[in-house]
Amino acid sequence: VLVMMLCSGTISDFINRHPSLKMLALSFLTLVGTVLIAESFDVHVPKGYVYFAMAFSLVVETINIRMRTAREAKK
């Protein structure tokens, strides 16, 4: 709990600087919720697909953040 309290300010500042991460987190929650609902109906969704989708979107967002930061530094 202490670690969470110490890191919450830093994480909050990072999220506020990059609002697109809020949408990414919301889409992750939607994806996980959809998979859980599918699993409740005995529809198997391979976890590798879910993990790949999440990892790919994180990589793309990381590239976008770096490009945006570099572009703002040039101005």
PDB file of N, CA and C in Angstrom:
ATOM      1  N   VAL A   1       0.832  -1.187   0.000  1.00  0.00           N
ATOM      2  CA  VAL A   1       0.000   0.000   0.000  1.00  0.00           C
ATOM      3  C   VAL A   1       0.877   1.251   0.000  1.00  0.00           C
ATOM      4  N   LEU A   2       1.959   1.207   0.730  1.00  0.00           N
ATOM      5  CA  LEU A   2       2.854   2.363   0.788  1.00  0.00           C
ATOM      6  C   LEU A   2       3.452   2.665  -0.586  1.00  0.00           C
ATOM      7  N   VAL A   3       3.839   1.616  -1.305  1.00  0.00           N
ATOM      8  CA  VAL A   3       4.405   1.813  -2.645  1.00  0.00           C
ATOM      9  C   VAL A   3       3.360   2.442  -3.565  1.00  0.00           C
ATOM     10  N   MET A   4       2.115   1.972  -3.467  1.00  0.00           N
ATOM     11  CA  MET A   4       1.049   2.537  -4.292  1.00  0.00           C
ATOM     12  C   MET A   4       0.837   4.013  -3.967  1.00  0.00           C
ATOM     13  N   MET A   5       0.886   4.353  -2.707  1.00  0.00           N
ATOM     14  CA  MET A   5       0.694   5.752  -2.315  1.00  0.00           C
ATOM     15  C   MET A   5       1.845   6.626  -2.801  1.00  0.00           C
ATOM     16  N   LEU A   6       3.057   6.102  -2.759  1.00  0.00           N
ATOM     17  CA  LEU A   6       4.215   6.875  -3.204  1.00  0.00           C
ATOM     18  C   LEU A   6       4.227   7.065  -4.720  1.00  0.00           C
ATOM     19  N   CYS A   7       3.787   6.061  -5.454  1.00  0.00           N
ATOM     20  CA  CYS A   7       3.838   6.107  -6.915  1.00  0.00           C
ATOM     21  C   CYS A   7       2.608   6.743  -7.543  1.00  0.00           C
ATOM     22  N   SER A   8       1.541   6.923  -6.799  1.00  0.00           N
ATOM     23  CA  SER A   8       0.286   7.403  -7.385  1.00  0.00           C
ATOM     24  C   SER A   8       0.425   8.798  -7.990  1.00  0.00           C
ATOM     25  N   GLY A   9       1.167   9.671  -7.363  1.00  0.00           N
ATOM     26  CA  GLY A   9       1.350  11.022  -7.898  1.00  0.00           C
ATOM     27  C   GLY A   9       2.098  11.023  -9.216  1.00  0.00           C
ATOM     28  N   THR A  10       3.146  10.240  -9.295  1.00  0.00           N
ATOM     29  CA  THR A  10       3.938  10.153 -10.523  1.00  0.00           C
ATOM     30  C   THR A  10       3.114   9.569 -11.657  1.00  0.00           C
ATOM     31  N   ILE A  11       2.392   8.511 -11.359  1.00  0.00           N
ATOM     32  CA  ILE A  11       1.559   7.876 -12.385  1.00  0.00           C
ATOM     33  C   ILE A  11       0.439   8.814 -12.810  1.00  0.00           C
ATOM     34  N   SER A  12      -0.157   9.510 -11.871  1.00  0.00           N
ATOM     35  CA  SER A  12      -1.226  10.462 -12.182  1.00  0.00           C
ATOM     36  C   SER A  12      -0.718  11.581 -13.087  1.00  0.00           C
ATOM     37  N   ASP A  13       0.452  12.108 -12.803  1.00  0.00           N
ATOM     38  CA  ASP A  13       1.035  13.151 -13.653  1.00  0.00           C
ATOM     39  C   ASP A  13       1.299  12.632 -15.060  1.00  0.00           C
ATOM     40  N   PHE A  14       1.812  11.405 -15.160  1.00  0.00           N
ATOM     41  CA  PHE A  14       2.100  10.814 -16.469  1.00  0.00           C
ATOM     42  C   PHE A  14       0.816  10.645 -17.274  1.00  0.00           C
ATOM     43  N   ILE A  15      -0.238  10.155 -16.637  1.00  0.00           N
ATOM     44  CA  ILE A  15      -1.517   9.957 -17.326  1.00  0.00           C
ATOM     45  C   ILE A  15      -2.109  11.301 -17.747  1.00  0.00           C
ATOM     46  N   ASN A  16      -1.977  12.313 -16.923  1.00  0.00           N
ATOM     47  CA  ASN A  16      -2.501  13.635 -17.273  1.00  0.00           C
ATOM     48  C   ASN A  16      -1.738  14.267 -18.431  1.00  0.00           C
ATOM     49  N   ARG A  17      -0.456  13.960 -18.565  1.00  0.00           N
ATOM     50  CA  ARG A  17       0.325  14.477 -19.699  1.00  0.00           C
ATOM     51  C   ARG A  17       0.008  13.752 -20.989  1.00  0.00           C
ATOM     52  N   HIS A  18      -0.452  12.510 -20.902  1.00  0.00           N
ATOM     53  CA  HIS A  18      -0.733  11.686 -22.079  1.00  0.00           C
ATOM     54  C   HIS A  18      -2.168  11.161 -21.997  1.00  0.00           C
ATOM     55  N   PRO A  19      -3.150  11.994 -22.361  1.00  0.00           N
ATOM     56  CA  PRO A  19      -4.552  11.584 -22.215  1.00  0.00           C
ATOM     57  C   PRO A  19      -4.946  10.420 -23.117  1.00  0.00           C
ATOM     58  N   SER A  20      -4.186  10.163 -24.166  1.00  0.00           N
ATOM     59  CA  SER A  20      -4.521   9.026 -25.029  1.00  0.00           C
ATOM     60  C   SER A  20      -4.360   7.704 -24.283  1.00  0.00           C
ATOM     61  N   LEU A  21      -3.559   7.696 -23.230  1.00  0.00           N
ATOM     62  CA  LEU A  21      -3.418   6.483 -22.426  1.00  0.00           C
ATOM     63  C   LEU A  21      -4.690   6.169 -21.654  1.00  0.00           C
ATOM     64  N   LYS A  22      -5.477   7.193 -21.348  1.00  0.00           N
ATOM     65  CA  LYS A  22      -6.761   6.947 -20.691  1.00  0.00           C
ATOM     66  C   LYS A  22      -7.666   6.127 -21.605  1.00  0.00           C
ATOM     67  N   MET A  23      -7.691   6.503 -22.880  1.00  0.00           N
ATOM     68  CA  MET A  23      -8.514   5.761 -23.840  1.00  0.00           C
ATOM     69  C   MET A  23      -7.973   4.352 -24.042  1.00  0.00           C
ATOM     70  N   LEU A  24      -6.665   4.210 -24.037  1.00  0.00           N
ATOM     71  CA  LEU A  24      -6.064   2.893 -24.184  1.00  0.00           C
ATOM     72  C   LEU A  24      -6.420   2.011 -22.995  1.00  0.00           C
ATOM     73  N   ALA A  25      -6.373   2.560 -21.804  1.00  0.00           N
ATOM     74  CA  ALA A  25      -6.745   1.792 -20.612  1.00  0.00           C
ATOM     75  C   ALA A  25      -8.216   1.401 -20.652  1.00  0.00           C
ATOM     76  N   LEU A  26      -9.066   2.308 -21.114  1.00  0.00           N
ATOM     77  CA  LEU A  26     -10.486   1.992 -21.238  1.00  0.00           C
ATOM     78  C   LEU A  26     -10.708   0.881 -22.253  1.00  0.00           C
ATOM     79  N   SER A  27      -9.971   0.911 -23.352  1.00  0.00           N
ATOM     80  CA  SER A  27     -10.117  -0.153 -24.351  1.00  0.00           C
ATOM     81  C   SER A  27      -9.599  -1.485 -23.816  1.00  0.00           C
ATOM     82  N   PHE A  28      -8.553  -1.463 -22.985  1.00  0.00           N
ATOM     83  CA  PHE A  28      -8.081  -2.700 -22.350  1.00  0.00           C
ATOM     84  C   PHE A  28      -9.160  -3.279 -21.443  1.00  0.00           C
ATOM     85  N   LEU A  29      -9.797  -2.416 -20.655  1.00  0.00           N
ATOM     86  CA  LEU A  29     -10.862  -2.889 -19.772  1.00  0.00           C
ATOM     87  C   LEU A  29     -12.023  -3.466 -20.572  1.00  0.00           C
ATOM     88  N   THR A  30     -12.359  -2.819 -21.684  1.00  0.00           N
ATOM     89  CA  THR A  30     -13.427  -3.326 -22.544  1.00  0.00           C
ATOM     90  C   THR A  30     -13.043  -4.670 -23.145  1.00  0.00           C
ATOM     91  N   LEU A  31     -11.810  -4.800 -23.576  1.00  0.00           N
ATOM     92  CA  LEU A  31     -11.336  -6.054 -24.147  1.00  0.00           C
ATOM     93  C   LEU A  31     -11.382  -7.182 -23.129  1.00  0.00           C
ATOM     94  N   VAL A  32     -10.901  -6.932 -21.937  1.00  0.00           N
ATOM     95  CA  VAL A  32     -10.912  -7.951 -20.883  1.00  0.00           C
ATOM     96  C   VAL A  32     -12.348  -8.306 -20.508  1.00  0.00           C
ATOM     97  N   GLY A  33     -13.213  -7.308 -20.416  1.00  0.00           N
ATOM     98  CA  GLY A  33     -14.616  -7.571 -20.109  1.00  0.00           C
ATOM     99  C   GLY A  33     -15.292  -8.410 -21.172  1.00  0.00           C
ATOM    100  N   THR A  34     -14.994  -8.122 -22.429  1.00  0.00           N
ATOM    101  CA  THR A  34     -15.561  -8.903 -23.528  1.00  0.00           C
ATOM    102  C   THR A  34     -15.081 -10.343 -23.478  1.00  0.00           C
ATOM    103  N   VAL A  35     -13.814 -10.538 -23.198  1.00  0.00           N
ATOM    104  CA  VAL A  35     -13.269 -11.896 -23.094  1.00  0.00           C
ATOM    105  C   VAL A  35     -13.915 -12.639 -21.931  1.00  0.00           C
ATOM    106  N   LEU A  36     -14.104 -11.967 -20.807  1.00  0.00           N
ATOM    107  CA  LEU A  36     -14.739 -12.614 -19.658  1.00  0.00           C
ATOM    108  C   LEU A  36     -16.185 -12.993 -19.957  1.00  0.00           C
ATOM    109  N   ILE A  37     -16.895 -12.131 -20.658  1.00  0.00           N
ATOM    110  CA  ILE A  37     -18.275 -12.453 -21.030  1.00  0.00           C
ATOM    111  C   ILE A  37     -18.297 -13.617 -22.007  1.00  0.00           C
ATOM    112  N   ALA A  38     -17.380 -13.619 -22.976  1.00  0.00           N
ATOM    113  CA  ALA A  38     -17.309 -14.735 -23.925  1.00  0.00           C
ATOM    114  C   ALA A  38     -16.997 -16.038 -23.201  1.00  0.00           C
ATOM    115  N   GLU A  39     -16.088 -15.993 -22.242  1.00  0.00           N
ATOM    116  CA  GLU A  39     -15.744 -17.197 -21.472  1.00  0.00           C
ATOM    117  C   GLU A  39     -16.937 -17.694 -20.660  1.00  0.00           C
ATOM    118  N   SER A  40     -17.786 -16.784 -20.195  1.00  0.00           N
ATOM    119  CA  SER A  40     -18.954 -17.217 -19.419  1.00  0.00           C
ATOM    120  C   SER A  40     -19.956 -17.960 -20.291  1.00  0.00           C
ATOM    121  N   PHE A  41     -19.929 -17.733 -21.606  1.00  0.00           N
ATOM    122  CA  PHE A  41     -20.781 -18.462 -22.541  1.00  0.00           C
ATOM    123  C   PHE A  41     -20.060 -19.655 -23.160  1.00  0.00           C
ATOM    124  N   ASP A  42     -18.963 -20.078 -22.551  1.00  0.00           N
ATOM    125  CA  ASP A  42     -18.153 -21.209 -23.014  1.00  0.00           C
ATOM    126  C   ASP A  42     -17.572 -21.001 -24.407  1.00  0.00           C
ATOM    127  N   VAL A  43     -17.306 -19.762 -24.753  1.00  0.00           N
ATOM    128  CA  VAL A  43     -16.617 -19.446 -26.002  1.00  0.00           C
ATOM    129  C   VAL A  43     -15.170 -19.171 -25.636  1.00  0.00           C
ATOM    130  N   HIS A  44     -14.284 -20.040 -26.099  1.00  0.00           N
ATOM    131  CA  HIS A  44     -12.879 -19.901 -25.730  1.00  0.00           C
ATOM    132  C   HIS A  44     -12.202 -18.876 -26.633  1.00  0.00           C
ATOM    133  N   VAL A  45     -11.587 -17.886 -26.028  1.00  0.00           N
ATOM    134  CA  VAL A  45     -10.788 -16.893 -26.745  1.00  0.00           C
ATOM    135  C   VAL A  45      -9.344 -17.129 -26.337  1.00  0.00           C
ATOM    136  N   PRO A  46      -8.479 -17.501 -27.291  1.00  0.00           N
ATOM    137  CA  PRO A  46      -7.080 -17.748 -26.928  1.00  0.00           C
ATOM    138  C   PRO A  46      -6.439 -16.512 -26.302  1.00  0.00           C
ATOM    139  N   LYS A  47      -5.804 -16.719 -25.183  1.00  0.00           N
ATOM    140  CA  LYS A  47      -5.198 -15.605 -24.446  1.00  0.00           C
ATOM    141  C   LYS A  47      -4.075 -14.949 -25.242  1.00  0.00           C
ATOM    142  N   GLY A  48      -3.436 -15.704 -26.100  1.00  0.00           N
ATOM    143  CA  GLY A  48      -2.374 -15.140 -26.928  1.00  0.00           C
ATOM    144  C   GLY A  48      -2.877 -14.013 -27.814  1.00  0.00           C
ATOM    145  N   TYR A  49      -4.100 -14.148 -28.332  1.00  0.00           N
ATOM    146  CA  TYR A  49      -4.682 -13.085 -29.153  1.00  0.00           C
ATOM    147  C   TYR A  49      -4.897 -11.820 -28.330  1.00  0.00           C
ATOM    148  N   VAL A  50      -5.388 -12.004 -27.128  1.00  0.00           N
ATOM    149  CA  VAL A  50      -5.652 -10.859 -26.258  1.00  0.00           C
ATOM    150  C   VAL A  50      -4.341 -10.180 -25.873  1.00  0.00           C
ATOM    151  N   TYR A  51      -3.355 -10.972 -25.475  1.00  0.00           N
ATOM    152  CA  TYR A  51      -2.068 -10.405 -25.081  1.00  0.00           C
ATOM    153  C   TYR A  51      -1.387  -9.714 -26.253  1.00  0.00           C
ATOM    154  N   PHE A  52      -1.480 -10.307 -27.444  1.00  0.00           N
ATOM    155  CA  PHE A  52      -0.865  -9.683 -28.613  1.00  0.00           C
ATOM    156  C   PHE A  52      -1.534  -8.351 -28.929  1.00  0.00           C
ATOM    157  N   ALA A  53      -2.859  -8.308 -28.868  1.00  0.00           N
ATOM    158  CA  ALA A  53      -3.575  -7.057 -29.144  1.00  0.00           C
ATOM    159  C   ALA A  53      -3.171  -5.975 -28.151  1.00  0.00           C
ATOM    160  N   MET A  54      -3.054  -6.346 -26.891  1.00  0.00           N
ATOM    161  CA  MET A  54      -2.667  -5.367 -25.874  1.00  0.00           C
ATOM    162  C   MET A  54      -1.223  -4.909 -26.073  1.00  0.00           C
ATOM    163  N   ALA A  55      -0.329  -5.837 -26.328  1.00  0.00           N
ATOM    164  CA  ALA A  55       1.081  -5.484 -26.520  1.00  0.00           C
ATOM    165  C   ALA A  55       1.262  -4.612 -27.760  1.00  0.00           C
ATOM    166  N   PHE A  56       0.566  -4.967 -28.844  1.00  0.00           N
ATOM    167  CA  PHE A  56       0.678  -4.195 -30.073  1.00  0.00           C
ATOM    168  C   PHE A  56       0.192  -2.764 -29.861  1.00  0.00           C
ATOM    169  N   SER A  57      -0.934  -2.603 -29.189  1.00  0.00           N
ATOM    170  CA  SER A  57      -1.453  -1.254 -28.969  1.00  0.00           C
ATOM    171  C   SER A  57      -0.541  -0.451 -28.044  1.00  0.00           C
ATOM    172  N   LEU A  58       0.082  -1.110 -27.070  1.00  0.00           N
ATOM    173  CA  LEU A  58       1.042  -0.406 -26.212  1.00  0.00           C
ATOM    174  C   LEU A  58       2.265   0.055 -26.996  1.00  0.00           C
ATOM    175  N   VAL A  59       2.748  -0.788 -27.900  1.00  0.00           N
ATOM    176  CA  VAL A  59       3.905  -0.413 -28.722  1.00  0.00           C
ATOM    177  C   VAL A  59       3.553   0.771 -29.616  1.00  0.00           C
ATOM    178  N   VAL A  60       2.386   0.714 -30.256  1.00  0.00           N
ATOM    179  CA  VAL A  60       1.965   1.814 -31.127  1.00  0.00           C
ATOM    180  C   VAL A  60       1.815   3.107 -30.329  1.00  0.00           C
ATOM    181  N   GLU A  61       1.217   3.030 -29.157  1.00  0.00           N
ATOM    182  CA  GLU A  61       1.035   4.229 -28.337  1.00  0.00           C
ATOM    183  C   GLU A  61       2.377   4.770 -27.849  1.00  0.00           C
ATOM    184  N   THR A  62       3.310   3.891 -27.513  1.00  0.00           N
ATOM    185  CA  THR A  62       4.645   4.335 -27.108  1.00  0.00           C
ATOM    186  C   THR A  62       5.335   5.081 -28.244  1.00  0.00           C
ATOM    187  N   ILE A  63       5.211   4.561 -29.454  1.00  0.00           N
ATOM    188  CA  ILE A  63       5.794   5.239 -30.620  1.00  0.00           C
ATOM    189  C   ILE A  63       5.137   6.598 -30.822  1.00  0.00           C
ATOM    190  N   ASN A  64       3.810   6.659 -30.688  1.00  0.00           N
ATOM    191  CA  ASN A  64       3.103   7.937 -30.837  1.00  0.00           C
ATOM    192  C   ASN A  64       3.552   8.952 -29.798  1.00  0.00           C
ATOM    193  N   ILE A  65       3.706   8.526 -28.566  1.00  0.00           N
ATOM    194  CA  ILE A  65       4.134   9.443 -27.505  1.00  0.00           C
ATOM    195  C   ILE A  65       5.540   9.952 -27.780  1.00  0.00           C
ATOM    196  N   ARG A  66       6.425   9.070 -28.197  1.00  0.00           N
ATOM    197  CA  ARG A  66       7.806   9.496 -28.493  1.00  0.00           C
ATOM    198  C   ARG A  66       7.851  10.459 -29.672  1.00  0.00           C
ATOM    199  N   MET A  67       7.069  10.176 -30.720  1.00  0.00           N
ATOM    200  CA  MET A  67       7.049  11.069 -31.878  1.00  0.00           C
ATOM    201  C   MET A  67       6.464  12.427 -31.505  1.00  0.00           C
ATOM    202  N   ARG A  68       5.412  12.432 -30.706  1.00  0.00           N
ATOM    203  CA  ARG A  68       4.790  13.685 -30.277  1.00  0.00           C
ATOM    204  C   ARG A  68       5.760  14.499 -29.426  1.00  0.00           C
ATOM    205  N   THR A  69       6.489  13.822 -28.549  1.00  0.00           N
ATOM    206  CA  THR A  69       7.461  14.507 -27.690  1.00  0.00           C
ATOM    207  C   THR A  69       8.592  15.105 -28.521  1.00  0.00           C
ATOM    208  N   ALA A  70       9.075  14.348 -29.501  1.00  0.00           N
ATOM    209  CA  ALA A  70      10.154  14.847 -30.358  1.00  0.00           C
ATOM    210  C   ALA A  70       9.681  16.027 -31.201  1.00  0.00           C
ATOM    211  N   ARG A  71       8.451  15.959 -31.680  1.00  0.00           N
ATOM    212  CA  ARG A  71       7.908  17.045 -32.496  1.00  0.00           C
ATOM    213  C   ARG A  71       7.733  18.314 -31.663  1.00  0.00           C
ATOM    214  N   GLU A  72       7.275  18.163 -30.424  1.00  0.00           N
ATOM    215  CA  GLU A  72       7.106  19.328 -29.552  1.00  0.00           C
ATOM    216  C   GLU A  72       8.453  19.911 -29.130  1.00  0.00           C
ATOM    217  N   ALA A  73       9.476  19.080 -29.043  1.00  0.00           N
ATOM    218  CA  ALA A  73      10.810  19.569 -28.675  1.00  0.00           C
ATOM    219  C   ALA A  73      11.407  20.416 -29.794  1.00  0.00           C
ATOM    220  N   LYS A  74      11.059  20.115 -31.041  1.00  0.00           N
ATOM    221  CA  LYS A  74      11.577  20.879 -32.172  1.00  0.00           C
ATOM    222  C   LYS A  74      10.954  22.264 -32.255  1.00  0.00           C
ATOM    223  N   LYS A  75       9.744  22.411 -31.736  1.00  0.00           N
ATOM    224  CA  LYS A  75       9.060  23.710 -31.833  1.00  0.00           C
ATOM    225  C   LYS A  75       9.590  24.694 -30.876  1.00  0.00           C
TER     226      LYS A  75
END
